Amino acid sequence: MRWNLERKTCIEGIMENGEVIKKEKLSAITQIPRVEFFLKAYYDNTYEGKSNKIHWYRYEIIDREGNSLPLRKGDFVVNYIDTDHGYSNFYGRKILIYDNRKGEIYTYKSNTKGPRFLKEDLIPLLEELDRYGSWEARECFLENLILKEKIQKLEQKLDKME
């Protein structure tokens, strides 16, 4: 399906199974069963290379009526989703997460191209933040996982040396 970039936006629905549906009007997606999330994709720019042409967007989470919908889990709220960054390749997008309890804003970089970032990156991130209670506690947990992996590799090297 070719999108008329003159309109500058399209609506994307993410189904429960992760499949993405693109339509020009929200009403066309709300009729489809099992759509879990709705996004408005604002056209930002097009990169034209020698062998490819890529359209970049900025996404906004919306409800079934088209109103902006703050995504939240516990004390954490998605404050802003930045424009896709890239030229011939996708370099990610910044997402600002607000911690209501601390009054702090954190930046998360999503490297998942297209609207799938919502279900594959953002929802799991918010669930982790809610589970650990703070950005810092989540970071410590991730660092501990990396350290455990390094220790296991060192132990394996030591076993081979013996």
Protein backbone atom coordinates (compact mmCIF):
# COMPACT_ATOMS: atom_id res chain seq x y z
CA MET A 1 0.00 0.00 0.00
CA ARG A 2 1.42 3.41 -0.93
CA TRP A 3 0.89 6.22 1.54
CA ASN A 4 0.10 9.71 0.41
CA LEU A 5 2.81 11.64 2.25
CA GLU A 6 0.87 14.85 1.65
CA ARG A 7 -1.37 13.70 4.51
CA LYS A 8 1.72 13.36 6.70
CA THR A 9 0.15 10.83 9.07
CA CYS A 10 -1.21 7.32 9.16
CA ILE A 11 -2.70 5.18 11.88
CA GLU A 12 -1.06 1.93 12.94
CA GLY A 13 -2.56 -0.78 15.08
CA ILE A 14 -0.57 -3.41 16.91
CA MET A 15 -2.44 -6.65 17.32
CA GLU A 16 -2.11 -8.99 20.29
CA ASN A 17 0.16 -11.27 18.24
CA GLY A 18 2.48 -8.34 17.39
CA GLU A 19 1.33 -7.92 13.78
CA VAL A 20 1.14 -4.29 12.62
CA ILE A 21 -1.75 -2.94 10.57
CA LYS A 22 -1.52 0.42 8.74
CA LYS A 23 -4.55 2.40 7.66
CA GLU A 24 -5.24 5.98 6.71
CA LYS A 25 -8.14 6.34 9.15
CA LEU A 26 -8.51 5.26 12.77
CA SER A 27 -12.05 4.01 12.11
CA ALA A 28 -10.63 1.38 9.75
CA ILE A 29 -8.46 -0.06 12.53
CA THR A 30 -10.96 0.14 15.39
CA GLN A 31 -13.18 -2.26 13.43
CA ILE A 32 -10.49 -4.96 13.50
CA PRO A 33 -10.68 -7.35 16.47
CA ARG A 34 -7.69 -7.95 18.77
CA VAL A 35 -5.93 -4.65 18.13
CA GLU A 36 -4.13 -3.97 21.39
CA PHE A 37 -2.48 -0.59 20.74
CA PHE A 38 -3.13 2.34 18.43
CA LEU A 39 -0.42 4.69 17.18
CA LYS A 40 -0.52 7.80 15.09
CA ALA A 41 2.56 7.87 12.84
CA TYR A 42 3.52 11.42 11.89
CA TYR A 43 5.63 11.55 8.74
CA ASP A 44 8.95 13.28 9.47
CA ASN A 45 11.20 12.92 6.44
CA THR A 46 12.39 10.62 3.68
CA TYR A 47 15.94 9.49 3.06
CA GLU A 48 16.68 8.62 -0.55
CA GLY A 49 19.88 6.68 -1.09
CA LYS A 50 21.30 5.11 -4.21
CA SER A 51 19.53 1.83 -3.58
CA ASN A 52 16.78 2.61 -1.09
CA LYS A 53 14.16 5.08 0.03
CA ILE A 54 13.16 5.14 3.69
CA HIS A 55 10.40 7.15 5.39
CA TRP A 56 10.96 8.17 9.01
CA TYR A 57 8.17 8.86 11.50
CA ARG A 58 7.39 10.07 15.00
CA TYR A 59 4.87 7.96 16.88
CA GLU A 60 2.20 8.95 19.34
CA ILE A 61 0.17 6.47 21.36
CA ILE A 62 -3.55 7.13 21.01
CA ASP A 63 -6.81 5.64 22.27
CA ARG A 64 -9.70 4.28 20.18
CA GLU A 65 -11.04 7.83 19.70
CA GLY A 66 -7.69 9.21 18.50
CA ASN A 67 -6.83 11.13 21.67
CA SER A 68 -3.27 11.09 22.96
CA LEU A 69 -2.91 8.32 25.53
CA PRO A 70 -0.15 8.46 28.12
CA LEU A 71 1.26 4.97 28.52
CA ARG A 72 1.88 4.26 32.19
CA LYS A 73 2.77 1.42 34.50
CA GLY A 74 2.90 2.11 38.21
CA ASP A 75 4.91 5.29 38.83
CA PHE A 76 6.33 5.38 35.30
CA VAL A 77 4.83 7.29 32.35
CA VAL A 78 6.00 7.60 28.76
CA ASN A 79 6.51 11.34 28.45
CA TYR A 80 7.59 11.65 24.81
CA ILE A 81 8.54 9.47 21.86
CA ASP A 82 11.10 11.16 19.62
CA THR A 83 11.33 10.95 15.84
CA ASP A 84 12.98 7.92 14.25
CA HIS A 85 16.67 8.64 13.68
CA GLY A 86 18.52 7.37 10.66
CA TYR A 87 19.58 7.82 7.10
CA SER A 88 19.88 4.66 5.04
CA ASN A 89 19.66 2.61 8.27
CA PHE A 90 17.61 3.00 11.42
CA TYR A 91 19.62 4.33 14.37
CA GLY A 92 16.87 4.24 16.97
CA ARG A 93 14.62 6.71 18.72
CA LYS A 94 14.74 8.34 22.14
CA ILE A 95 11.86 7.82 24.54
CA LEU A 96 11.47 9.94 27.65
CA ILE A 97 10.17 8.11 30.72
CA TYR A 98 8.91 10.09 33.70
CA ASP A 99 9.17 8.67 37.23
CA ASN A 100 6.23 10.21 39.13
CA ARG A 101 7.62 9.17 42.52
CA LYS A 102 11.00 10.83 42.04
CA GLY A 103 9.98 13.58 39.63
CA GLU A 104 12.82 12.53 37.29
CA ILE A 105 12.88 12.05 33.52
CA TYR A 106 14.99 9.26 32.01
CA THR A 107 15.97 8.67 28.41
CA TYR A 108 15.63 5.22 26.86
CA LYS A 109 16.90 4.43 23.38
CA SER A 110 14.71 2.03 21.43
CA ASN A 111 16.44 0.24 18.57
CA THR A 112 13.36 -1.56 17.27
CA LYS A 113 12.34 -0.14 13.90
CA GLY A 114 8.74 0.79 13.27
CA PRO A 115 5.76 0.62 15.60
CA ARG A 116 6.77 -2.79 17.00
CA PHE A 117 8.95 -0.87 19.51
CA LEU A 118 5.84 -0.31 21.61
CA LYS A 119 5.18 -3.98 22.29
CA GLU A 120 8.75 -5.28 22.01
CA ASP A 121 10.64 -2.54 23.90
CA LEU A 122 8.43 -0.09 25.71
CA ILE A 123 5.90 -2.35 27.45
CA PRO A 124 8.63 -4.72 28.79
CA LEU A 125 10.68 -1.69 29.93
CA LEU A 126 7.74 -0.22 31.86
CA GLU A 127 7.03 -3.63 33.43
CA GLU A 128 10.68 -3.94 34.53
CA LEU A 129 10.70 -0.42 35.94
CA ASP A 130 7.51 -1.13 37.87
CA ARG A 131 8.92 -4.45 39.15
CA TYR A 132 12.24 -2.95 40.33
CA GLY A 133 10.74 0.32 41.54
CA SER A 134 13.28 2.69 40.01
CA TRP A 135 15.42 3.31 36.96
CA GLU A 136 18.55 2.87 39.08
CA ALA A 137 17.42 -0.49 40.52
CA ARG A 138 16.74 -1.76 36.97
CA GLU A 139 20.19 -0.58 35.85
CA CYS A 140 21.79 -2.41 38.82
CA PHE A 141 19.90 -5.58 37.92
CA LEU A 142 21.10 -5.38 34.29
CA GLU A 143 24.69 -4.71 35.40
CA ASN A 144 24.51 -7.72 37.73
CA LEU A 145 23.39 -9.93 34.83
CA ILE A 146 26.37 -8.76 32.77
CA LEU A 147 28.75 -9.35 35.69
CA LYS A 148 27.36 -12.85 36.31
CA GLU A 149 27.90 -13.70 32.65
CA LYS A 150 31.49 -12.41 32.81
CA ILE A 151 32.14 -14.42 35.97
CA GLN A 152 30.81 -17.57 34.31
CA LYS A 153 33.12 -17.05 31.33
CA LEU A 154 36.09 -16.48 33.62
CA GLU A 155 35.23 -19.62 35.60
CA GLN A 156 35.08 -21.61 32.35
CA LYS A 157 38.49 -20.25 31.32
CA LEU A 158 39.88 -21.15 34.74
CA ASP A 159 38.48 -24.69 34.49
CA LYS A 160 40.17 -25.10 31.09
CA MET A 161 43.48 -23.92 32.52
CA GLU A 162 43.41 -26.47 35.35
